[in-house]
Amino acid sequence: MYADGNIIHRLRLESECQQLRNEVLHYKSIAKGNCFEDATFANDDEKVKYCTGLPSYAVMMIIFNQIYRYFRDTQSVSKFQQFILTLMRLRLDVPLQLLGYIFGLHTSTVSRIFQEVINVMNIRLVPTFVFWPEREELRMMLPVSFREKFSKCACIIDCFKIFIQRPSDLQARADTYSSYKSHNTVKYLIGIAPQGVIIFISKGWGGRTSDVHLTENCGFLANIIPGDVILGDRGFTISESVAFCNAELKILAFTKGKQQLSALDVETSRVLASARIHVERVIGMVRQKYSMLESTIPITLLQTDQSCNLTTLDKIVRVACALTNISPSVVPFD
């Protein structure tokens, strides 16, 4: 009778121990799923797209494996978590404090990690994914919609602005104020190939800067070679500057000085507008994918890194453009 009691007690203890083991495994699996390690995203491309803007888990891991060795080692978070933290900040505009709660870090640590990883991505990814292609490459993959009217098109250009906090310095406040946006802004010139790929992104200029001055002074013209055709909006009155490169600028026709446009001008502008609209679609795609660019950027991200003469915001914009290029183009090939 005593032996039977011991057996029953032992079996009860073993059952309780097994139950505890199962609970531990259950909570470990929950913790693992919430720690934002690579296993969190494996076989879940929708989660990858939502959190990072990248098209798939495979693509995300290819990028991570290219750059993780340049991240700082830290005991508080893994290198993959540093990577995901940065992409979530870009993609979802998650506040630093909330990221700190998610990853168990102080806000200042989150800010440091974000800037360090952005710096690595700017150095290691941007030159690989944002570059001016050779003419033969452009011609080879020219979309059908460009082949008849714009077969020599090398680039379509436009500017976009990002809101920033109001500077305390009066001169900076005046230089960045955009009367069109009624806000302090930083302006960027973007250039895309006919295929919809971003091939040029300037440094940031004060929002008050004209499109003409920015285009002529940001280094864009150095990429043009004789015979190229550049498409732009009405504000890009840089025909002479482009002509100095033995290239041609095509912009929408003006009605200035005329009662109305001729039938030829109307048709030419219609065709040009249908081609030029792609740059606006790409800008919209960059902003939609990386919503941090839709927010008001703090002044602290406008400090210039003397080693590369870029602000942190410049690096953020460049990285967002590089990551957008990895996704499918908005311009159909057929």
C-alpha atoms as a PDB file:
ATOM      1  CA  MET A   1       0.000   0.000   0.000  1.00  0.00           C
ATOM      2  CA  TYR A   2       2.857   2.373   0.880  1.00  0.00           C
ATOM      3  CA  ALA A   3       4.689   1.462  -2.359  1.00  0.00           C
ATOM      4  CA  ASP A   4       1.557   2.154  -4.394  1.00  0.00           C
ATOM      5  CA  GLY A   5       1.274   5.571  -2.761  1.00  0.00           C
ATOM      6  CA  ASN A   6       4.882   6.398  -3.706  1.00  0.00           C
ATOM      7  CA  ILE A   7       4.243   5.381  -7.314  1.00  0.00           C
ATOM      8  CA  ILE A   8       1.123   7.515  -7.525  1.00  0.00           C
ATOM      9  CA  HIS A   9       2.973  10.473  -5.963  1.00  0.00           C
ATOM     10  CA  ARG A  10       5.902  10.051  -8.373  1.00  0.00           C
ATOM     11  CA  LEU A  11       3.575   9.859 -11.359  1.00  0.00           C
ATOM     12  CA  ARG A  12       1.782  12.980 -10.183  1.00  0.00           C
ATOM     13  CA  LEU A  13       5.097  14.825  -9.834  1.00  0.00           C
ATOM     14  CA  GLU A  14       6.233  13.672 -13.269  1.00  0.00           C
ATOM     15  CA  SER A  15       2.926  14.831 -14.745  1.00  0.00           C
ATOM     16  CA  GLU A  16       3.269  18.236 -13.080  1.00  0.00           C
ATOM     17  CA  CYS A  17       6.886  18.532 -14.262  1.00  0.00           C
ATOM     18  CA  GLN A  18       5.880  17.709 -17.819  1.00  0.00           C
ATOM     19  CA  GLN A  19       3.106  20.255 -17.641  1.00  0.00           C
ATOM     20  CA  LEU A  20       5.583  22.874 -16.455  1.00  0.00           C
ATOM     21  CA  ARG A  21       7.980  21.934 -19.252  1.00  0.00           C
ATOM     22  CA  ASN A  22       5.198  22.364 -21.792  1.00  0.00           C
ATOM     23  CA  GLU A  23       4.316  25.772 -20.356  1.00  0.00           C
ATOM     24  CA  VAL A  24       7.967  26.864 -20.482  1.00  0.00           C
ATOM     25  CA  LEU A  25       8.213  25.791 -24.129  1.00  0.00           C
ATOM     26  CA  HIS A  26       4.954  27.589 -24.887  1.00  0.00           C
ATOM     27  CA  TYR A  27       6.101  30.864 -23.369  1.00  0.00           C
ATOM     28  CA  LYS A  28       9.530  30.509 -24.949  1.00  0.00           C
ATOM     29  CA  SER A  29       7.878  30.218 -28.342  1.00  0.00           C
ATOM     30  CA  ILE A  30       5.799  33.329 -27.627  1.00  0.00           C
ATOM     31  CA  ALA A  31       8.876  35.248 -26.494  1.00  0.00           C
ATOM     32  CA  LYS A  32      10.785  34.100 -29.567  1.00  0.00           C
ATOM     33  CA  GLY A  33       7.963  35.274 -31.803  1.00  0.00           C
ATOM     34  CA  ASN A  34       8.010  38.714 -30.209  1.00  0.00           C
ATOM     35  CA  CYS A  35      11.766  39.299 -30.143  1.00  0.00           C
ATOM     36  CA  PHE A  36      12.044  40.297 -33.815  1.00  0.00           C
ATOM     37  CA  GLU A  37      14.788  37.834 -34.681  1.00  0.00           C
ATOM     38  CA  ASP A  38      15.104  36.388 -38.186  1.00  0.00           C
ATOM     39  CA  ALA A  39      12.944  33.375 -37.250  1.00  0.00           C
ATOM     40  CA  THR A  40      10.110  35.822 -36.502  1.00  0.00           C
ATOM     41  CA  PHE A  41       9.882  36.646 -40.211  1.00  0.00           C
ATOM     42  CA  ALA A  42      10.748  33.275 -41.774  1.00  0.00           C
ATOM     43  CA  ASN A  43       8.081  32.063 -44.220  1.00  0.00           C
ATOM     44  CA  ASP A  44       6.012  35.211 -43.632  1.00  0.00           C
ATOM     45  CA  ASP A  45       6.528  37.636 -46.511  1.00  0.00           C
ATOM     46  CA  GLU A  46       3.491  39.693 -45.498  1.00  0.00           C
ATOM     47  CA  LYS A  47       5.086  40.436 -42.138  1.00  0.00           C
ATOM     48  CA  VAL A  48       8.311  41.379 -43.906  1.00  0.00           C
ATOM     49  CA  LYS A  49       6.460  43.751 -46.257  1.00  0.00           C
ATOM     50  CA  TYR A  50       4.549  45.383 -43.415  1.00  0.00           C
ATOM     51  CA  CYS A  51       7.519  45.889 -41.086  1.00  0.00           C
ATOM     52  CA  THR A  52      10.273  46.638 -43.620  1.00  0.00           C
ATOM     53  CA  GLY A  53       8.759  47.524 -46.999  1.00  0.00           C
ATOM     54  CA  LEU A  54      10.939  44.849 -48.620  1.00  0.00           C
ATOM     55  CA  PRO A  55       9.234  42.376 -50.963  1.00  0.00           C
ATOM     56  CA  SER A  56      10.144  39.106 -49.226  1.00  0.00           C
ATOM     57  CA  TYR A  57      12.006  37.363 -46.408  1.00  0.00           C
ATOM     58  CA  ALA A  58      14.622  36.099 -48.879  1.00  0.00           C
ATOM     59  CA  VAL A  59      15.397  39.610 -50.116  1.00  0.00           C
ATOM     60  CA  MET A  60      15.542  40.938 -46.560  1.00  0.00           C
ATOM     61  CA  MET A  61      18.076  38.288 -45.549  1.00  0.00           C
ATOM     62  CA  ILE A  62      20.228  38.936 -48.627  1.00  0.00           C
ATOM     63  CA  ILE A  63      20.467  42.601 -47.663  1.00  0.00           C
ATOM     64  CA  PHE A  64      21.108  41.814 -44.006  1.00  0.00           C
ATOM     65  CA  ASN A  65      23.883  39.347 -44.865  1.00  0.00           C
ATOM     66  CA  GLN A  66      25.579  42.011 -46.978  1.00  0.00           C
ATOM     67  CA  ILE A  67      25.845  44.561 -44.197  1.00  0.00           C
ATOM     68  CA  TYR A  68      25.517  42.993 -40.724  1.00  0.00           C
ATOM     69  CA  ARG A  69      29.259  42.548 -40.249  1.00  0.00           C
ATOM     70  CA  TYR A  70      29.613  46.331 -40.168  1.00  0.00           C
ATOM     71  CA  PHE A  71      27.188  46.735 -37.235  1.00  0.00           C
ATOM     72  CA  ARG A  72      28.457  47.309 -33.723  1.00  0.00           C
ATOM     73  CA  ASP A  73      28.395  44.308 -31.368  1.00  0.00           C
ATOM     74  CA  THR A  74      26.173  44.906 -28.355  1.00  0.00           C
ATOM     75  CA  GLN A  75      24.825  42.695 -25.571  1.00  0.00           C
ATOM     76  CA  SER A  76      21.435  44.397 -25.439  1.00  0.00           C
ATOM     77  CA  VAL A  77      20.254  43.549 -28.982  1.00  0.00           C
ATOM     78  CA  SER A  78      21.447  41.302 -31.785  1.00  0.00           C
ATOM     79  CA  LYS A  79      22.653  42.631 -35.125  1.00  0.00           C
ATOM     80  CA  PHE A  80      19.465  41.447 -36.788  1.00  0.00           C
ATOM     81  CA  GLN A  81      17.399  43.355 -34.233  1.00  0.00           C
ATOM     82  CA  GLN A  82      19.431  46.488 -34.977  1.00  0.00           C
ATOM     83  CA  PHE A  83      18.605  45.984 -38.653  1.00  0.00           C
ATOM     84  CA  ILE A  84      14.871  45.448 -38.038  1.00  0.00           C
ATOM     85  CA  LEU A  85      14.688  48.351 -35.583  1.00  0.00           C
ATOM     86  CA  THR A  86      16.077  50.664 -38.272  1.00  0.00           C
ATOM     87  CA  LEU A  87      13.745  49.392 -40.998  1.00  0.00           C
ATOM     88  CA  MET A  88      10.711  49.676 -38.718  1.00  0.00           C
ATOM     89  CA  ARG A  89      11.618  53.281 -37.931  1.00  0.00           C
ATOM     90  CA  LEU A  90      11.911  54.041 -41.653  1.00  0.00           C
ATOM     91  CA  ARG A  91       8.927  52.039 -42.770  1.00  0.00           C
ATOM     92  CA  LEU A  92       6.356  52.743 -40.047  1.00  0.00           C
ATOM     93  CA  ASP A  93       7.747  55.951 -38.509  1.00  0.00           C
ATOM     94  CA  VAL A  94       7.693  54.231 -35.110  1.00  0.00           C
ATOM     95  CA  PRO A  95       8.672  56.741 -32.376  1.00  0.00           C
ATOM     96  CA  LEU A  96      12.036  56.159 -30.726  1.00  0.00           C
ATOM     97  CA  GLN A  97      10.431  55.743 -27.308  1.00  0.00           C
ATOM     98  CA  LEU A  98       8.080  53.014 -28.543  1.00  0.00           C
ATOM     99  CA  LEU A  99      10.965  51.190 -30.227  1.00  0.00           C
ATOM    100  CA  GLY A 100      12.749  51.391 -26.897  1.00  0.00           C
ATOM    101  CA  TYR A 101       9.821  49.647 -25.181  1.00  0.00           C
ATOM    102  CA  ILE A 102       9.635  46.991 -27.913  1.00  0.00           C
ATOM    103  CA  PHE A 103      13.348  46.132 -27.830  1.00  0.00           C
ATOM    104  CA  GLY A 104      13.987  46.858 -24.144  1.00  0.00           C
ATOM    105  CA  LEU A 105      16.346  49.773 -24.807  1.00  0.00           C
ATOM    106  CA  HIS A 106      16.764  53.337 -23.655  1.00  0.00           C
ATOM    107  CA  THR A 107      15.549  55.931 -26.151  1.00  0.00           C
ATOM    108  CA  SER A 108      19.056  57.343 -26.597  1.00  0.00           C
ATOM    109  CA  THR A 109      20.339  53.838 -27.420  1.00  0.00           C
ATOM    110  CA  VAL A 110      17.623  53.394 -30.045  1.00  0.00           C
ATOM    111  CA  SER A 111      18.570  56.746 -31.596  1.00  0.00           C
ATOM    112  CA  ARG A 112      22.264  55.790 -31.695  1.00  0.00           C
ATOM    113  CA  ILE A 113      21.576  52.384 -33.243  1.00  0.00           C
ATOM    114  CA  PHE A 114      19.283  53.911 -35.866  1.00  0.00           C
ATOM    115  CA  GLN A 115      21.855  56.478 -36.961  1.00  0.00           C
ATOM    116  CA  GLU A 116      24.701  53.939 -36.986  1.00  0.00           C
ATOM    117  CA  VAL A 117      22.773  51.417 -39.097  1.00  0.00           C
ATOM    118  CA  ILE A 118      21.554  54.143 -41.483  1.00  0.00           C
ATOM    119  CA  ASN A 119      25.183  55.195 -41.908  1.00  0.00           C
ATOM    120  CA  VAL A 120      26.223  51.624 -42.754  1.00  0.00           C
ATOM    121  CA  MET A 121      23.343  51.212 -45.206  1.00  0.00           C
ATOM    122  CA  ASN A 122      24.189  54.516 -46.862  1.00  0.00           C
ATOM    123  CA  ILE A 123      27.778  53.416 -47.405  1.00  0.00           C
ATOM    124  CA  ARG A 124      27.167  49.763 -48.314  1.00  0.00           C
ATOM    125  CA  LEU A 125      23.772  49.708 -50.055  1.00  0.00           C
ATOM    126  CA  VAL A 126      23.227  53.048 -51.793  1.00  0.00           C
ATOM    127  CA  PRO A 127      26.138  52.800 -54.292  1.00  0.00           C
ATOM    128  CA  THR A 128      24.942  49.307 -55.236  1.00  0.00           C
ATOM    129  CA  PHE A 129      21.299  50.178 -55.835  1.00  0.00           C
ATOM    130  CA  VAL A 130      21.257  53.886 -56.799  1.00  0.00           C
ATOM    131  CA  PHE A 131      23.564  54.625 -59.730  1.00  0.00           C
ATOM    132  CA  TRP A 132      23.458  56.090 -63.241  1.00  0.00           C
ATOM    133  CA  PRO A 133      23.482  53.154 -65.692  1.00  0.00           C
ATOM    134  CA  GLU A 134      25.382  52.927 -68.963  1.00  0.00           C
ATOM    135  CA  ARG A 135      23.481  54.040 -72.056  1.00  0.00           C
ATOM    136  CA  GLU A 136      23.459  50.493 -73.481  1.00  0.00           C
ATOM    137  CA  GLU A 137      21.724  49.224 -70.332  1.00  0.00           C
ATOM    138  CA  LEU A 138      19.067  51.940 -70.593  1.00  0.00           C
ATOM    139  CA  ARG A 139      18.364  51.204 -74.256  1.00  0.00           C
ATOM    140  CA  MET A 140      18.251  47.444 -73.742  1.00  0.00           C
ATOM    141  CA  MET A 141      15.457  47.552 -71.139  1.00  0.00           C
ATOM    142  CA  LEU A 142      13.516  50.576 -72.420  1.00  0.00           C
ATOM    143  CA  PRO A 143       9.766  50.182 -71.738  1.00  0.00           C
ATOM    144  CA  VAL A 144       7.515  49.924 -74.779  1.00  0.00           C
ATOM    145  CA  SER A 145       5.788  53.229 -73.922  1.00  0.00           C
ATOM    146  CA  PHE A 146       9.107  55.099 -74.372  1.00  0.00           C
ATOM    147  CA  ARG A 147      10.420  53.437 -77.527  1.00  0.00           C
ATOM    148  CA  GLU A 148       8.506  55.493 -80.090  1.00  0.00           C
ATOM    149  CA  LYS A 149       8.511  59.033 -78.621  1.00  0.00           C
ATOM    150  CA  PHE A 150      11.390  59.049 -76.111  1.00  0.00           C
ATOM    151  CA  SER A 151      13.848  56.390 -77.247  1.00  0.00           C
ATOM    152  CA  LYS A 152      16.798  58.577 -76.173  1.00  0.00           C
ATOM    153  CA  CYS A 153      15.394  59.388 -72.724  1.00  0.00           C
ATOM    154  CA  ALA A 154      18.062  58.923 -70.066  1.00  0.00           C
ATOM    155  CA  CYS A 155      16.292  60.392 -67.036  1.00  0.00           C
ATOM    156  CA  ILE A 156      13.055  61.932 -65.780  1.00  0.00           C
ATOM    157  CA  ILE A 157      13.518  64.517 -63.035  1.00  0.00           C
ATOM    158  CA  ASP A 158      11.411  66.146 -60.353  1.00  0.00           C
ATOM    159  CA  CYS A 159      11.804  67.639 -56.870  1.00  0.00           C
ATOM    160  CA  PHE A 160      10.092  66.682 -53.648  1.00  0.00           C
ATOM    161  CA  LYS A 161      10.042  68.244 -50.204  1.00  0.00           C
ATOM    162  CA  ILE A 162      10.175  66.849 -46.687  1.00  0.00           C
ATOM    163  CA  PHE A 163       8.801  68.744 -43.706  1.00  0.00           C
ATOM    164  CA  ILE A 164      11.262  69.648 -40.947  1.00  0.00           C
ATOM    165  CA  GLN A 165      10.920  71.256 -37.548  1.00  0.00           C
ATOM    166  CA  ARG A 166      11.161  75.019 -37.539  1.00  0.00           C
ATOM    167  CA  PRO A 167      14.836  76.018 -37.101  1.00  0.00           C
ATOM    168  CA  SER A 168      15.689  78.457 -34.324  1.00  0.00           C
ATOM    169  CA  ASP A 169      18.280  80.185 -36.522  1.00  0.00           C
ATOM    170  CA  LEU A 170      16.556  82.966 -38.491  1.00  0.00           C
ATOM    171  CA  GLN A 171      18.632  82.479 -41.641  1.00  0.00           C
ATOM    172  CA  ALA A 172      18.029  78.734 -41.669  1.00  0.00           C
ATOM    173  CA  ARG A 173      14.350  79.373 -41.048  1.00  0.00           C
ATOM    174  CA  ALA A 174      14.191  81.675 -44.078  1.00  0.00           C
ATOM    175  CA  ASP A 175      16.198  79.306 -46.315  1.00  0.00           C
ATOM    176  CA  THR A 176      13.998  76.311 -45.557  1.00  0.00           C
ATOM    177  CA  TYR A 177      10.580  77.965 -45.609  1.00  0.00           C
ATOM    178  CA  SER A 178       8.440  76.888 -48.540  1.00  0.00           C
ATOM    179  CA  SER A 179       5.628  79.324 -49.314  1.00  0.00           C
ATOM    180  CA  TYR A 180       4.022  76.632 -51.482  1.00  0.00           C
ATOM    181  CA  LYS A 181       3.902  74.167 -48.552  1.00  0.00           C
ATOM    182  CA  SER A 182       3.570  76.880 -45.848  1.00  0.00           C
ATOM    183  CA  HIS A 183       6.132  74.936 -43.846  1.00  0.00           C
ATOM    184  CA  ASN A 184       9.877  74.622 -43.322  1.00  0.00           C
ATOM    185  CA  THR A 185      11.130  71.975 -45.704  1.00  0.00           C
ATOM    186  CA  VAL A 186      14.174  70.329 -47.243  1.00  0.00           C
ATOM    187  CA  LYS A 187      14.074  69.816 -51.009  1.00  0.00           C
ATOM    188  CA  TYR A 188      15.569  66.932 -53.019  1.00  0.00           C
ATOM    189  CA  LEU A 189      16.054  66.430 -56.741  1.00  0.00           C
ATOM    190  CA  ILE A 190      15.288  62.874 -57.835  1.00  0.00           C
ATOM    191  CA  GLY A 191      15.988  61.315 -61.193  1.00  0.00           C
ATOM    192  CA  ILE A 192      14.570  58.041 -62.479  1.00  0.00           C
ATOM    193  CA  ALA A 193      15.347  55.963 -65.552  1.00  0.00           C
ATOM    194  CA  PRO A 194      12.470  55.233 -67.967  1.00  0.00           C
ATOM    195  CA  GLN A 195      12.300  51.807 -66.302  1.00  0.00           C
ATOM    196  CA  GLY A 196      11.176  53.478 -63.050  1.00  0.00           C
ATOM    197  CA  VAL A 197      14.450  52.904 -61.196  1.00  0.00           C
ATOM    198  CA  ILE A 198      15.897  55.754 -59.130  1.00  0.00           C
ATOM    199  CA  ILE A 199      19.290  56.623 -60.629  1.00  0.00           C
ATOM    200  CA  PHE A 200      19.985  59.979 -58.947  1.00  0.00           C
ATOM    201  CA  ILE A 201      19.149  61.597 -55.623  1.00  0.00           C
ATOM    202  CA  SER A 202      20.626  64.915 -54.567  1.00  0.00           C
ATOM    203  CA  LYS A 203      21.599  66.151 -51.150  1.00  0.00           C
ATOM    204  CA  GLY A 204      18.957  68.156 -49.336  1.00  0.00           C
ATOM    205  CA  TRP A 205      18.590  71.873 -50.068  1.00  0.00           C
ATOM    206  CA  GLY A 206      16.539  74.512 -48.311  1.00  0.00           C
ATOM    207  CA  GLY A 207      12.901  74.393 -49.359  1.00  0.00           C
ATOM    208  CA  ARG A 208      13.131  77.936 -50.691  1.00  0.00           C
ATOM    209  CA  THR A 209      15.664  76.887 -53.347  1.00  0.00           C
ATOM    210  CA  SER A 210      14.334  76.982 -56.908  1.00  0.00           C
ATOM    211  CA  ASP A 211      14.193  73.839 -59.021  1.00  0.00           C
ATOM    212  CA  VAL A 212      16.547  75.443 -61.542  1.00  0.00           C
ATOM    213  CA  HIS A 213      19.217  76.418 -59.011  1.00  0.00           C
ATOM    214  CA  LEU A 214      19.079  73.019 -57.311  1.00  0.00           C
ATOM    215  CA  THR A 215      19.353  71.093 -60.606  1.00  0.00           C
ATOM    216  CA  GLU A 216      22.249  73.178 -61.888  1.00  0.00           C
ATOM    217  CA  ASN A 217      24.247  72.971 -58.646  1.00  0.00           C
ATOM    218  CA  CYS A 218      23.650  69.524 -57.145  1.00  0.00           C
ATOM    219  CA  GLY A 219      25.860  67.481 -59.489  1.00  0.00           C
ATOM    220  CA  PHE A 220      23.042  66.120 -61.634  1.00  0.00           C
ATOM    221  CA  LEU A 221      24.336  67.596 -64.909  1.00  0.00           C
ATOM    222  CA  ALA A 222      27.651  65.772 -64.545  1.00  0.00           C
ATOM    223  CA  ASN A 223      25.885  62.501 -65.345  1.00  0.00           C
ATOM    224  CA  ILE A 224      24.491  63.614 -68.715  1.00  0.00           C
ATOM    225  CA  ILE A 225      26.291  62.545 -71.884  1.00  0.00           C
ATOM    226  CA  PRO A 226      25.840  63.836 -75.480  1.00  0.00           C
ATOM    227  CA  GLY A 227      22.626  62.661 -77.085  1.00  0.00           C
ATOM    228  CA  ASP A 228      20.704  62.157 -73.847  1.00  0.00           C
ATOM    229  CA  VAL A 229      17.138  63.404 -73.485  1.00  0.00           C
ATOM    230  CA  ILE A 230      15.939  64.614 -70.070  1.00  0.00           C
ATOM    231  CA  LEU A 231      12.245  64.943 -69.246  1.00  0.00           C
ATOM    232  CA  GLY A 232      11.040  67.478 -66.678  1.00  0.00           C
ATOM    233  CA  ASP A 233       8.178  69.641 -65.480  1.00  0.00           C
ATOM    234  CA  ARG A 234       7.595  73.271 -66.481  1.00  0.00           C
ATOM    235  CA  GLY A 235       9.689  74.570 -63.588  1.00  0.00           C
ATOM    236  CA  PHE A 236      12.897  73.010 -64.924  1.00  0.00           C
ATOM    237  CA  THR A 237      13.903  75.772 -67.335  1.00  0.00           C
ATOM    238  CA  ILE A 238      17.459  74.491 -67.710  1.00  0.00           C
ATOM    239  CA  SER A 239      17.577  73.985 -71.485  1.00  0.00           C
ATOM    240  CA  GLU A 240      20.828  75.942 -71.861  1.00  0.00           C
ATOM    241  CA  SER A 241      22.587  74.033 -69.080  1.00  0.00           C
ATOM    242  CA  VAL A 242      21.522  70.710 -70.606  1.00  0.00           C
ATOM    243  CA  ALA A 243      22.520  71.946 -74.072  1.00  0.00           C
ATOM    244  CA  PHE A 244      26.061  72.577 -72.784  1.00  0.00           C
ATOM    245  CA  CYS A 245      26.206  68.794 -72.289  1.00  0.00           C
ATOM    246  CA  ASN A 246      25.093  68.299 -75.923  1.00  0.00           C
ATOM    247  CA  ALA A 247      21.844  66.865 -74.602  1.00  0.00           C
ATOM    248  CA  GLU A 248      18.199  67.885 -74.881  1.00  0.00           C
ATOM    249  CA  LEU A 249      15.617  68.888 -72.285  1.00  0.00           C
ATOM    250  CA  LYS A 250      11.930  68.250 -72.921  1.00  0.00           C
ATOM    251  CA  ILE A 251       9.437  70.003 -70.633  1.00  0.00           C
ATOM    252  CA  LEU A 252       5.716  70.681 -70.774  1.00  0.00           C
ATOM    253  CA  ALA A 253       4.774  73.611 -73.014  1.00  0.00           C
ATOM    254  CA  PHE A 254       4.059  77.073 -71.522  1.00  0.00           C
ATOM    255  CA  THR A 255       1.046  79.237 -72.293  1.00  0.00           C
ATOM    256  CA  LYS A 256       2.996  82.333 -71.202  1.00  0.00           C
ATOM    257  CA  GLY A 257       2.741  84.987 -73.901  1.00  0.00           C
ATOM    258  CA  LYS A 258       0.160  82.955 -75.804  1.00  0.00           C
ATOM    259  CA  GLN A 259      -3.596  82.936 -75.672  1.00  0.00           C
ATOM    260  CA  GLN A 260      -3.579  79.158 -76.017  1.00  0.00           C
ATOM    261  CA  LEU A 261      -1.317  76.303 -77.022  1.00  0.00           C
ATOM    262  CA  SER A 262      -1.242  75.042 -80.572  1.00  0.00           C
ATOM    263  CA  ALA A 263      -2.696  71.624 -81.348  1.00  0.00           C
ATOM    264  CA  LEU A 264       0.848  70.282 -81.769  1.00  0.00           C
ATOM    265  CA  ASP A 265       1.955  71.674 -78.395  1.00  0.00           C
ATOM    266  CA  VAL A 266      -1.119  70.193 -76.713  1.00  0.00           C
ATOM    267  CA  GLU A 267      -0.446  66.730 -78.152  1.00  0.00           C
ATOM    268  CA  THR A 268       3.293  66.926 -77.398  1.00  0.00           C
ATOM    269  CA  SER A 269       2.599  67.975 -73.807  1.00  0.00           C
ATOM    270  CA  ARG A 270       0.042  65.193 -73.402  1.00  0.00           C
ATOM    271  CA  VAL A 271       2.527  62.543 -74.509  1.00  0.00           C
ATOM    272  CA  LEU A 272       5.294  64.073 -72.381  1.00  0.00           C
ATOM    273  CA  ALA A 273       3.047  64.257 -69.301  1.00  0.00           C
ATOM    274  CA  SER A 274       2.127  60.583 -69.642  1.00  0.00           C
ATOM    275  CA  ALA A 275       5.846  59.701 -69.567  1.00  0.00           C
ATOM    276  CA  ARG A 276       6.848  62.223 -66.899  1.00  0.00           C
ATOM    277  CA  ILE A 277       4.118  61.077 -64.491  1.00  0.00           C
ATOM    278  CA  HIS A 278       6.232  58.036 -63.639  1.00  0.00           C
ATOM    279  CA  VAL A 279       8.654  60.112 -61.550  1.00  0.00           C
ATOM    280  CA  GLU A 280       5.746  61.346 -59.425  1.00  0.00           C
ATOM    281  CA  ARG A 281       4.599  57.745 -58.986  1.00  0.00           C
ATOM    282  CA  VAL A 282       8.084  56.739 -57.840  1.00  0.00           C
ATOM    283  CA  ILE A 283       8.232  59.630 -55.351  1.00  0.00           C
ATOM    284  CA  GLY A 284       4.827  58.554 -54.038  1.00  0.00           C
ATOM    285  CA  MET A 285       6.070  54.978 -53.745  1.00  0.00           C
ATOM    286  CA  VAL A 286       9.137  56.027 -51.724  1.00  0.00           C
ATOM    287  CA  ARG A 287       6.980  58.064 -49.348  1.00  0.00           C
ATOM    288  CA  GLN A 288       4.364  55.330 -49.031  1.00  0.00           C
ATOM    289  CA  LYS A 289       6.906  52.608 -48.366  1.00  0.00           C
ATOM    290  CA  TYR A 290       8.958  54.634 -45.868  1.00  0.00           C
ATOM    291  CA  SER A 291       6.468  56.816 -44.035  1.00  0.00           C
ATOM    292  CA  MET A 292       9.149  58.471 -41.910  1.00  0.00           C
ATOM    293  CA  LEU A 293       9.577  60.748 -44.950  1.00  0.00           C
ATOM    294  CA  GLU A 294       5.945  61.862 -44.562  1.00  0.00           C
ATOM    295  CA  SER A 295       6.471  63.065 -40.997  1.00  0.00           C
ATOM    296  CA  THR A 296       8.072  66.262 -39.699  1.00  0.00           C
ATOM    297  CA  ILE A 297      11.775  65.532 -39.308  1.00  0.00           C
ATOM    298  CA  PRO A 298      13.476  66.751 -36.100  1.00  0.00           C
ATOM    299  CA  ILE A 299      16.270  69.292 -36.407  1.00  0.00           C
ATOM    300  CA  THR A 300      18.720  66.827 -34.830  1.00  0.00           C
ATOM    301  CA  LEU A 301      18.665  64.798 -38.069  1.00  0.00           C
ATOM    302  CA  LEU A 302      19.863  67.805 -40.075  1.00  0.00           C
ATOM    303  CA  GLN A 303      23.355  67.889 -38.607  1.00  0.00           C
ATOM    304  CA  THR A 304      26.004  67.351 -41.278  1.00  0.00           C
ATOM    305  CA  ASP A 305      28.420  64.418 -41.092  1.00  0.00           C
ATOM    306  CA  GLN A 306      31.706  66.060 -42.101  1.00  0.00           C
ATOM    307  CA  SER A 307      33.187  62.753 -43.298  1.00  0.00           C
ATOM    308  CA  CYS A 308      30.714  62.565 -46.201  1.00  0.00           C
ATOM    309  CA  ASN A 309      29.106  66.026 -46.180  1.00  0.00           C
ATOM    310  CA  LEU A 310      25.643  64.500 -45.769  1.00  0.00           C
ATOM    311  CA  THR A 311      23.046  65.088 -43.078  1.00  0.00           C
ATOM    312  CA  THR A 312      21.360  62.130 -41.389  1.00  0.00           C
ATOM    313  CA  LEU A 313      18.200  63.057 -43.311  1.00  0.00           C
ATOM    314  CA  ASP A 314      20.181  62.896 -46.575  1.00  0.00           C
ATOM    315  CA  LYS A 315      21.295  59.383 -45.636  1.00  0.00           C
ATOM    316  CA  ILE A 316      17.736  58.384 -44.712  1.00  0.00           C
ATOM    317  CA  VAL A 317      16.411  59.588 -48.086  1.00  0.00           C
ATOM    318  CA  ARG A 318      19.211  57.831 -49.974  1.00  0.00           C
ATOM    319  CA  VAL A 319      18.628  54.561 -48.102  1.00  0.00           C
ATOM    320  CA  ALA A 320      14.862  54.785 -48.698  1.00  0.00           C
ATOM    321  CA  CYS A 321      15.531  55.236 -52.434  1.00  0.00           C
ATOM    322  CA  ALA A 322      17.924  52.268 -52.476  1.00  0.00           C
ATOM    323  CA  LEU A 323      15.421  50.021 -50.699  1.00  0.00           C
ATOM    324  CA  THR A 324      12.634  51.163 -53.051  1.00  0.00           C
ATOM    325  CA  ASN A 325      14.753  50.144 -56.035  1.00  0.00           C
ATOM    326  CA  ILE A 326      14.801  46.592 -54.678  1.00  0.00           C
ATOM    327  CA  SER A 327      11.017  46.367 -54.999  1.00  0.00           C
ATOM    328  CA  PRO A 328       9.169  45.859 -58.317  1.00  0.00           C
ATOM    329  CA  SER A 329       9.038  48.946 -60.568  1.00  0.00           C
ATOM    330  CA  VAL A 330       5.903  51.050 -60.945  1.00  0.00           C
ATOM    331  CA  VAL A 331       6.587  51.329 -64.702  1.00  0.00           C
ATOM    332  CA  PRO A 332       5.330  48.392 -66.777  1.00  0.00           C
ATOM    333  CA  PHE A 333       7.852  47.032 -69.288  1.00  0.00           C
ATOM    334  CA  ASP A 334       5.188  46.092 -71.849  1.00  0.00           C
END
